[in-house]
N, C-alpha and C. Protein backbone atom coordinates (compact mmCIF):
# COMPACT_ATOMS: atom_id res chain seq x y z
N MET A 1 190.99 135.13 41.96
CA MET A 1 191.27 135.18 40.53
C MET A 1 190.67 133.93 39.88
N THR A 2 189.89 134.14 38.87
CA THR A 2 189.24 133.03 38.19
C THR A 2 190.20 132.41 37.17
N PRO A 3 189.91 131.21 36.73
CA PRO A 3 190.76 130.60 35.70
C PRO A 3 190.83 131.42 34.41
N ALA A 4 189.74 132.08 34.06
CA ALA A 4 189.75 132.92 32.86
C ALA A 4 190.70 134.10 33.03
N ASP A 5 190.74 134.68 34.24
CA ASP A 5 191.67 135.77 34.51
C ASP A 5 193.11 135.29 34.42
N SER A 6 193.36 134.10 34.94
CA SER A 6 194.72 133.53 34.90
C SER A 6 195.17 133.31 33.46
N ILE A 7 194.28 132.78 32.64
CA ILE A 7 194.62 132.53 31.24
C ILE A 7 194.83 133.85 30.50
N ASP A 8 194.01 134.84 30.79
CA ASP A 8 194.17 136.15 30.17
C ASP A 8 195.49 136.80 30.56
N PHE A 9 195.86 136.67 31.84
CA PHE A 9 197.13 137.21 32.31
C PHE A 9 198.30 136.50 31.64
N ALA A 10 198.24 135.17 31.54
CA ALA A 10 199.30 134.41 30.90
C ALA A 10 199.41 134.78 29.42
N ARG A 11 198.29 134.95 28.76
CA ARG A 11 198.29 135.32 27.34
C ARG A 11 198.92 136.69 27.13
N SER A 12 198.55 137.65 27.97
CA SER A 12 199.12 139.00 27.81
C SER A 12 200.61 138.99 28.13
N SER A 13 201.04 138.18 29.09
CA SER A 13 202.47 138.08 29.40
C SER A 13 203.25 137.47 28.24
N ILE A 14 202.70 136.46 27.62
CA ILE A 14 203.37 135.83 26.48
C ILE A 14 203.44 136.79 25.30
N LEU A 15 202.38 137.55 25.08
CA LEU A 15 202.39 138.52 23.98
C LEU A 15 203.45 139.61 24.22
N VAL A 16 203.60 140.07 25.44
CA VAL A 16 204.64 141.06 25.75
C VAL A 16 206.02 140.44 25.54
N LEU A 17 206.20 139.20 25.96
CA LEU A 17 207.47 138.51 25.74
C LEU A 17 207.80 138.42 24.25
N LEU A 18 206.82 138.07 23.44
CA LEU A 18 207.03 137.98 22.00
C LEU A 18 207.34 139.34 21.38
N GLU A 19 206.68 140.40 21.86
CA GLU A 19 206.96 141.74 21.36
C GLU A 19 208.38 142.18 21.69
N ILE A 20 208.85 141.79 22.86
CA ILE A 20 210.18 142.21 23.28
C ILE A 20 211.27 141.43 22.54
N ILE A 21 211.10 140.14 22.34
CA ILE A 21 212.16 139.30 21.79
C ILE A 21 212.16 139.25 20.26
N THR A 22 211.08 139.67 19.61
CA THR A 22 211.00 139.58 18.15
C THR A 22 212.11 140.33 17.41
N PRO A 23 212.45 141.57 17.76
CA PRO A 23 213.53 142.23 17.01
C PRO A 23 214.86 141.49 17.08
N ALA A 24 215.21 140.98 18.25
CA ALA A 24 216.48 140.25 18.39
C ALA A 24 216.46 138.94 17.61
N MET A 25 215.34 138.24 17.65
CA MET A 25 215.26 136.97 16.93
C MET A 25 215.28 137.17 15.42
N LEU A 26 214.59 138.20 14.93
CA LEU A 26 214.63 138.48 13.49
C LEU A 26 216.02 138.90 13.05
N THR A 27 216.70 139.68 13.88
CA THR A 27 218.07 140.08 13.56
C THR A 27 218.99 138.86 13.49
N ALA A 28 218.87 137.96 14.46
CA ALA A 28 219.69 136.75 14.45
C ALA A 28 219.40 135.91 13.21
N LEU A 29 218.14 135.84 12.83
CA LEU A 29 217.76 135.08 11.64
C LEU A 29 218.35 135.70 10.37
N ILE A 30 218.23 137.00 10.22
CA ILE A 30 218.71 137.67 9.02
C ILE A 30 220.23 137.63 8.93
N VAL A 31 220.92 137.91 10.05
CA VAL A 31 222.39 137.89 10.03
C VAL A 31 222.89 136.47 9.81
N GLY A 32 222.27 135.50 10.45
CA GLY A 32 222.67 134.10 10.24
C GLY A 32 222.47 133.65 8.81
N LEU A 33 221.36 134.07 8.22
CA LEU A 33 221.10 133.73 6.82
C LEU A 33 222.11 134.40 5.88
N ALA A 34 222.42 135.67 6.16
CA ALA A 34 223.39 136.38 5.32
C ALA A 34 224.77 135.76 5.44
N ILE A 35 225.20 135.42 6.64
CA ILE A 35 226.51 134.79 6.83
C ILE A 35 226.53 133.41 6.20
N GLY A 36 225.44 132.67 6.35
CA GLY A 36 225.37 131.34 5.72
C GLY A 36 225.44 131.42 4.21
N LEU A 37 224.77 132.42 3.63
CA LEU A 37 224.84 132.63 2.18
C LEU A 37 226.26 133.00 1.76
N LEU A 38 226.88 133.88 2.54
CA LEU A 38 228.27 134.27 2.25
C LEU A 38 229.20 133.07 2.34
N GLN A 39 229.00 132.22 3.33
CA GLN A 39 229.83 131.03 3.46
C GLN A 39 229.60 130.06 2.30
N ALA A 40 228.36 129.94 1.86
CA ALA A 40 228.07 129.04 0.74
C ALA A 40 228.66 129.57 -0.56
N LEU A 41 228.62 130.89 -0.75
CA LEU A 41 229.15 131.47 -1.98
C LEU A 41 230.68 131.43 -2.03
N THR A 42 231.32 131.63 -0.90
CA THR A 42 232.79 131.67 -0.87
C THR A 42 233.40 130.35 -0.46
N GLN A 43 232.61 129.39 -0.07
CA GLN A 43 233.05 128.07 0.38
C GLN A 43 233.98 128.15 1.59
N ILE A 44 233.79 129.18 2.40
CA ILE A 44 234.49 129.27 3.68
C ILE A 44 233.61 128.58 4.71
N GLN A 45 234.09 127.50 5.27
CA GLN A 45 233.27 126.72 6.21
C GLN A 45 233.78 126.84 7.64
N GLU A 46 234.03 128.05 8.06
CA GLU A 46 234.47 128.31 9.42
C GLU A 46 233.25 128.41 10.32
N MET A 47 233.17 127.57 11.35
CA MET A 47 231.99 127.51 12.21
C MET A 47 231.89 128.73 13.12
N THR A 48 233.03 129.31 13.51
CA THR A 48 232.99 130.44 14.44
C THR A 48 232.74 131.76 13.75
N LEU A 49 232.69 131.80 12.44
CA LEU A 49 232.49 133.04 11.69
C LEU A 49 231.11 133.64 11.95
N VAL A 50 230.14 132.83 12.28
CA VAL A 50 228.77 133.29 12.45
C VAL A 50 228.57 134.02 13.77
N PHE A 51 229.28 133.63 14.80
CA PHE A 51 228.96 134.08 16.16
C PHE A 51 229.20 135.56 16.40
N VAL A 52 230.36 136.07 16.04
CA VAL A 52 230.69 137.46 16.36
C VAL A 52 229.77 138.45 15.65
N PRO A 53 229.55 138.36 14.33
CA PRO A 53 228.62 139.32 13.71
C PRO A 53 227.20 139.21 14.26
N LYS A 54 226.77 137.98 14.56
CA LYS A 54 225.42 137.79 15.08
C LYS A 54 225.28 138.41 16.48
N ILE A 55 226.27 138.21 17.32
CA ILE A 55 226.22 138.77 18.67
C ILE A 55 226.25 140.29 18.63
N VAL A 56 227.11 140.86 17.78
CA VAL A 56 227.19 142.32 17.67
C VAL A 56 225.88 142.90 17.15
N ALA A 57 225.30 142.27 16.13
CA ALA A 57 224.05 142.76 15.56
C ALA A 57 222.91 142.67 16.58
N ILE A 58 222.84 141.58 17.32
CA ILE A 58 221.79 141.43 18.32
C ILE A 58 221.97 142.47 19.43
N PHE A 59 223.21 142.71 19.84
CA PHE A 59 223.48 143.70 20.88
C PHE A 59 223.03 145.09 20.43
N ILE A 60 223.32 145.45 19.19
CA ILE A 60 222.92 146.76 18.67
C ILE A 60 221.39 146.88 18.61
N VAL A 61 220.74 145.83 18.14
CA VAL A 61 219.27 145.85 18.06
C VAL A 61 218.65 145.92 19.45
N LEU A 62 219.23 145.21 20.41
CA LEU A 62 218.70 145.28 21.77
C LEU A 62 218.87 146.67 22.36
N LEU A 63 219.99 147.32 22.07
CA LEU A 63 220.17 148.69 22.55
C LEU A 63 219.16 149.65 21.92
N ILE A 64 218.89 149.46 20.64
CA ILE A 64 217.93 150.32 19.95
C ILE A 64 216.51 150.07 20.45
N SER A 65 216.16 148.81 20.69
CA SER A 65 214.79 148.47 21.08
C SER A 65 214.57 148.49 22.60
N LEU A 66 215.56 148.89 23.36
CA LEU A 66 215.42 148.91 24.82
C LEU A 66 214.30 149.82 25.30
N PRO A 67 214.13 151.03 24.77
CA PRO A 67 212.99 151.85 25.23
C PRO A 67 211.63 151.21 24.95
N PHE A 68 211.50 150.58 23.80
CA PHE A 68 210.26 149.89 23.47
C PHE A 68 210.00 148.74 24.43
N ALA A 69 211.04 147.97 24.75
CA ALA A 69 210.90 146.85 25.67
C ALA A 69 210.52 147.35 27.06
N GLY A 70 211.15 148.44 27.50
CA GLY A 70 210.80 149.00 28.80
C GLY A 70 209.36 149.48 28.85
N ALA A 71 208.91 150.11 27.78
CA ALA A 71 207.52 150.58 27.73
C ALA A 71 206.55 149.40 27.73
N ALA A 72 206.89 148.32 27.03
CA ALA A 72 206.02 147.15 27.00
C ALA A 72 205.94 146.50 28.38
N MET A 73 207.09 146.39 29.06
CA MET A 73 207.08 145.80 30.40
C MET A 73 206.38 146.71 31.41
N ASN A 74 206.53 148.02 31.23
CA ASN A 74 205.83 148.96 32.10
C ASN A 74 204.32 148.83 31.92
N GLY A 75 203.87 148.71 30.69
CA GLY A 75 202.45 148.53 30.43
C GLY A 75 201.92 147.25 31.05
N LEU A 76 202.71 146.18 30.98
CA LEU A 76 202.29 144.92 31.59
C LEU A 76 202.22 145.07 33.11
N MET A 77 203.20 145.76 33.70
CA MET A 77 203.19 145.94 35.16
C MET A 77 202.01 146.81 35.60
N VAL A 78 201.67 147.82 34.83
CA VAL A 78 200.50 148.64 35.15
C VAL A 78 199.23 147.79 35.09
N ASP A 79 199.16 146.92 34.08
CA ASP A 79 198.00 146.03 33.97
C ASP A 79 197.94 145.07 35.17
N ILE A 80 199.07 144.55 35.59
CA ILE A 80 199.11 143.67 36.75
C ILE A 80 198.68 144.43 38.00
N ALA A 81 199.16 145.67 38.16
CA ALA A 81 198.79 146.47 39.34
C ALA A 81 197.29 146.74 39.35
N HIS A 82 196.71 147.01 38.18
CA HIS A 82 195.26 147.26 38.12
C HIS A 82 194.48 145.98 38.46
N ARG A 83 194.99 144.85 38.02
CA ARG A 83 194.32 143.59 38.34
C ARG A 83 194.38 143.30 39.84
N ILE A 84 195.56 143.60 40.45
CA ILE A 84 195.69 143.35 41.89
C ILE A 84 194.77 144.27 42.67
N SER A 85 194.73 145.56 42.27
CA SER A 85 193.91 146.50 43.02
C SER A 85 192.41 146.28 42.81
N ALA A 86 192.06 145.58 41.73
CA ALA A 86 190.65 145.32 41.48
C ALA A 86 190.07 144.27 42.42
N TYR A 87 190.95 143.45 43.01
CA TYR A 87 190.47 142.38 43.89
C TYR A 87 190.50 142.79 45.31
């Protein structure tokens, strides 16, 4: 395996990681922002108020995006298998 192949493999792995984690991270960002805005408007400064809605929202999004994540990881594994068999 040449250094260019290694870099290409690492790049494709990172891109798959970003594709898989993006829905959960965006959900955490949006829910955290909404809860923070709600806390600022109502002046409720409870630190634990953010955690439960954020965890529930992330769990729901992960359940919804699970088939997409599986397909992305399957595609990466097929690419890895093709690279192994090519050598």
